[in-house]
Each structure stands twice: as C-alpha cells, then as structure tokens.
Amino acid sequence: MKTDIIKRNLRFVIIPKVVHPWFDEVNKGALVQAELLEKQLGISMTIEYLAPETANITEQNSILEKAVATNPDGIAIDPLENLLNMKAIAEIKSKGIPLIVFDSPSPEAGISSVGNNFTQQGVIAAERLVGLIGKSGKVAVMQGFPSAPNHKERYDAQIAVLKKYPEITIVEGGIDNDDIGIAKMQAASVLASNPDLSGYLCCDASGPIGIAAAIKEAGKAGKVKFVGMDGIKPILEAIKEGVIESSAATIPGMQGSMSILMLWQASLGVQIPQRIDTGIDIITQENVDSYLS
C-alpha cells in the first residue's frame, strides 16, 4: 500500500440501539482506539456517536439515513432490526461506505461484525441458572428489544435450554425494549404475580438493572436466583450485593475499539474479517471486584 493514498482526515459514525450506559462504554473504547491511531499514524480521526433517545426502529433508521448523507468514511451500527431491512443500506453500498455491525450478528457475507456468540451467551446464562435452582421451578425470561438480532438469539437460546428440563416452568418475564425503567416495572409485576418464582433471566443490559431493582424492592434478593447479561457498573454493583448471582457479560469497550480499527482498515481498502469475536466474561461475586476496580 502506498502511503500517499492514506487518508489523513477520517470521520467514522457509531450508531447504537439507544442512549444507554452500555453503549457509553462502546463509545469510550472507540475514542481510545481513535486516539491511538491518531498518535501512531499522524492523522486526524473524528468519531461521531449518534444514539437514538429511545430504542425505536424509525428513529434509528432516520439517524442512519442522515449519517449516510454526510458521506462518512465508515459506519458502525448495532441495529434494532435486521440490517438488510433498513432503507439506507442500498445507498451505503452504492456509495461504497464501509459498514460493520457491532454487538450483533452479521446479516450477510460482506458485512463484518464485531461482537460475541450470542447463542452461546444465552446458553451460558440459562445453564448456570438451571444449576442454581436444582433443575426445577418457575423461571421468568425477560426479552429485550424483540427484533434486535442479538437479543433474539439470546432469548431463543435461553428458552431452548429451559425446555430441556421437564421440571422447569417457563414464565413470561416481560419485554423491556432496552429501557431500564420498563424492565423494573415489568419485573415487579412478574414477581408479584409469581410469589413462588425460582429464577430470572434476561437478554440485554437494561434487564439486569431493572430486574435487580425490582427483586431488591420485593425483598427477594437471593431467593429469586437471577443470572444477568453484561457487566456495566450498576450490574457489577448488584452482583457484589448479591441481588444478581452472576452475569454472562459482553465486552463493550473492546467492541468499540475493534469497530474503529476495522473501519479504518476498510477505509483504506484493506480486506477485513467477516467476524471478530470479543468473547464472553462470566462475572460472579468471586471476581466482580476486578471488574469494579
């Protein structure tokens, strides 16, 4: 590659599902990577972080369309629906704008993804919970944003695991639509309607915070076994307190960092991997302090 074709001023756009502390960590990772590249390469790199105020497909589509109109050097998005259903995709392809998805499976060859194995993540959480409740009892499973590919993969995996155990009864655990307040409200209702509930599972980073708050307010910490998703600070604090027993956690900072690294490579015409797996952390009371430090 000739150095005279290297772009010296780059602008990348990150579009998450919603304004949320988990996505703030993604953005932090992206900014760190951008700063490293700037220092090492002597270039200028701007990161535009455009988060929908609510998890809303129409709003996310509008943000994407407006971003495409500005002709950025690359876009990373965590879609609320199948990416191929989004209207702006055809224009992105026609303009040749590098596009990747993060925290989501790739919808087709040619669109790279940064994230983890979401089915595996759901299985890990569900199997851990099954062991905690002795393979019997009522288990509630809260959905995230149902059409979000990663949330759906986790939910389907959890339900499949629970169905393997005849003495487990699956309870509708609510749909939080990636909103902490909704998660708390719906979990409180589920707990009140099921006083004999044995366990709780969820599919996103809003579920653990809301469900933990509802469990604590109901005085059922430790009684209702709860295995969560992800590892941002409020979740870590609930694990340390014993309200959440453990969490199968993604690594958002690494997702942001790798997204920018891949977009930079793609902007130069370098072929990038179809998939980058950033792994899954299992966070418990035994190791939570290392994540809080």
Foldseek 3Di string as FASTA:
>chain_A
DDPVLADQEAEEEEEEQAPDPLVVLLVVLQVVLQVVCCVVPVGHYHYHYDYHHARDQVSSLVVVQVVVVVPGQAYEYQHLAQPVPRPCPVVCVVSVRHYEYELAAHNDPPHAYEWADLLVQLLVLLVVLCVVLVLAFEEEEEAESCRRHSSVSSRVSNVVNNVVRPRYHYDHQYYQNNALQSLQVSLLVVCVVCVRAAEYEYRDDSNQLNNLVSCVVVVCQVRHAYEYEADDDSNLVSQLVRSHAKYWHINSSVRSSVVNVQSSCVSSVHDDDRYHHRHTDIGHNVCSVVVVD
